[in-house]
Amino acid sequence: MHAAALIVLSPERKITRYLNGIYFQPFEFKMALVEASKGKSGPTINRFLQFCYAYDPQGKQYVLNVTRVSGIMIAFLAVVFFLWLALRPLFMRKHKVNI
């Protein structure tokens, strides 16, 4: 008796991922294929998912990269806040709002 696995190869015929078992999560299977074809551009959503998720070899699954996602959210909110601070005086002057 031996374990079942799916071996994912890159276009250069290098092994990029082993998917163990006979049942795979659709997300894991899709990400393994996208990861294997690194040289080709995939749909934008795949690039976004690859940015937000990282493969955990010990757990043998993709996990959400909380640090990266929260860092992007904080940077976005900081840009919005600074734009609001910069554009607020222009808006106030244009509409002659007194505070």
Protein backbone atom coordinates (compact mmCIF):
# COMPACT_ATOMS: atom_id res chain seq x y z
CA MET A 1 0.00 0.00 0.00
CA HIS A 2 1.32 3.47 -0.88
CA ALA A 3 0.12 7.05 -0.64
CA ALA A 4 -1.63 8.74 -3.55
CA ALA A 5 -0.32 12.09 -4.72
CA LEU A 6 -0.59 14.46 -7.63
CA ILE A 7 2.70 15.92 -8.82
CA VAL A 8 2.48 19.38 -10.41
CA LEU A 9 5.19 20.24 -12.95
CA SER A 10 6.30 23.60 -14.32
CA PRO A 11 6.75 24.15 -18.09
CA GLU A 12 10.48 23.53 -17.52
CA ARG A 13 9.53 20.06 -16.20
CA LYS A 14 10.48 20.84 -12.61
CA ILE A 15 8.34 19.57 -9.73
CA THR A 16 6.69 22.54 -8.06
CA ARG A 17 4.18 20.92 -5.73
CA TYR A 18 2.99 17.58 -4.38
CA LEU A 19 -0.72 17.38 -3.63
CA ASN A 20 -1.12 14.41 -1.32
CA GLY A 21 -4.26 12.27 -1.22
CA ILE A 22 -6.99 11.74 -3.79
CA TYR A 23 -9.25 14.67 -2.84
CA PHE A 24 -8.04 18.24 -3.34
CA GLN A 25 -9.56 21.56 -2.44
CA PRO A 26 -10.34 23.41 -5.69
CA PHE A 27 -8.49 26.49 -4.42
CA GLU A 28 -5.34 24.51 -3.60
CA PHE A 29 -5.43 22.73 -6.96
CA LYS A 30 -5.87 25.97 -8.89
CA MET A 31 -3.13 27.75 -6.95
CA ALA A 32 -0.74 24.84 -7.51
CA LEU A 33 -1.33 25.06 -11.26
CA VAL A 34 -0.92 28.84 -11.30
CA GLU A 35 2.23 28.56 -9.22
CA ALA A 36 3.63 25.96 -11.63
CA SER A 37 3.13 28.22 -14.61
CA LYS A 38 5.02 31.19 -13.11
CA GLY A 39 6.39 32.30 -16.48
CA LYS A 40 2.92 33.00 -17.85
CA SER A 41 0.57 35.73 -16.73
CA GLY A 42 -2.64 34.52 -15.22
CA PRO A 43 -5.87 36.37 -14.53
CA THR A 44 -5.61 39.33 -12.15
CA ILE A 45 -7.56 37.49 -9.46
CA ASN A 46 -4.89 34.76 -9.38
CA ARG A 47 -2.16 37.34 -8.81
CA PHE A 48 -4.24 38.89 -6.05
CA LEU A 49 -4.80 35.48 -4.41
CA GLN A 50 -1.10 34.65 -4.67
CA PHE A 51 -0.35 37.95 -2.95
CA CYS A 52 -2.84 37.33 -0.13
CA TYR A 53 -2.12 33.63 0.43
CA ALA A 54 1.14 31.78 1.05
CA TYR A 55 1.82 28.06 0.87
CA ASP A 56 2.61 26.43 4.22
CA PRO A 57 4.74 23.35 3.47
CA GLN A 58 4.34 21.96 7.00
CA GLY A 59 0.55 22.18 6.92
CA LYS A 60 0.52 21.39 3.18
CA GLN A 61 -2.08 24.04 2.43
CA TYR A 62 -2.45 27.70 1.54
CA VAL A 63 -2.92 30.09 4.45
CA LEU A 64 -3.92 33.74 4.56
CA ASN A 65 -0.91 36.02 4.96
CA VAL A 66 -2.45 38.29 7.61
CA THR A 67 0.63 40.51 7.92
CA ARG A 68 0.68 41.33 4.22
CA VAL A 69 -3.09 41.91 3.97
CA SER A 70 -3.25 44.10 7.09
CA GLY A 71 -0.20 46.08 5.94
CA ILE A 72 -1.89 46.87 2.63
CA MET A 73 -5.11 47.86 4.41
CA ILE A 74 -3.22 50.18 6.80
CA ALA A 75 -1.30 51.77 3.90
CA PHE A 76 -4.54 52.30 1.95
CA LEU A 77 -6.27 53.90 4.93
CA ALA A 78 -3.25 56.15 5.54
CA VAL A 79 -3.31 57.36 1.92
CA VAL A 80 -7.06 58.05 2.12
CA PHE A 81 -6.60 59.93 5.41
CA PHE A 82 -3.75 62.09 4.07
CA LEU A 83 -5.69 62.84 0.88
CA TRP A 84 -8.63 63.90 3.02
CA LEU A 85 -6.38 66.17 5.07
CA ALA A 86 -4.84 67.68 1.93
CA LEU A 87 -8.09 68.20 0.00
CA ARG A 88 -10.29 69.33 2.89
CA PRO A 89 -9.03 72.96 2.90
CA LEU A 90 -9.67 73.22 -0.85
CA PHE A 91 -13.22 71.95 -0.40
CA MET A 92 -13.83 74.29 2.53
CA ARG A 93 -12.52 77.30 0.59
CA LYS A 94 -14.57 76.44 -2.52
CA HIS A 95 -17.83 76.12 -0.59
CA LYS A 96 -17.00 78.83 1.99
CA VAL A 97 -17.81 76.64 4.96
CA ASN A 98 -16.85 78.22 8.28
CA ILE A 99 -16.01 76.07 11.26
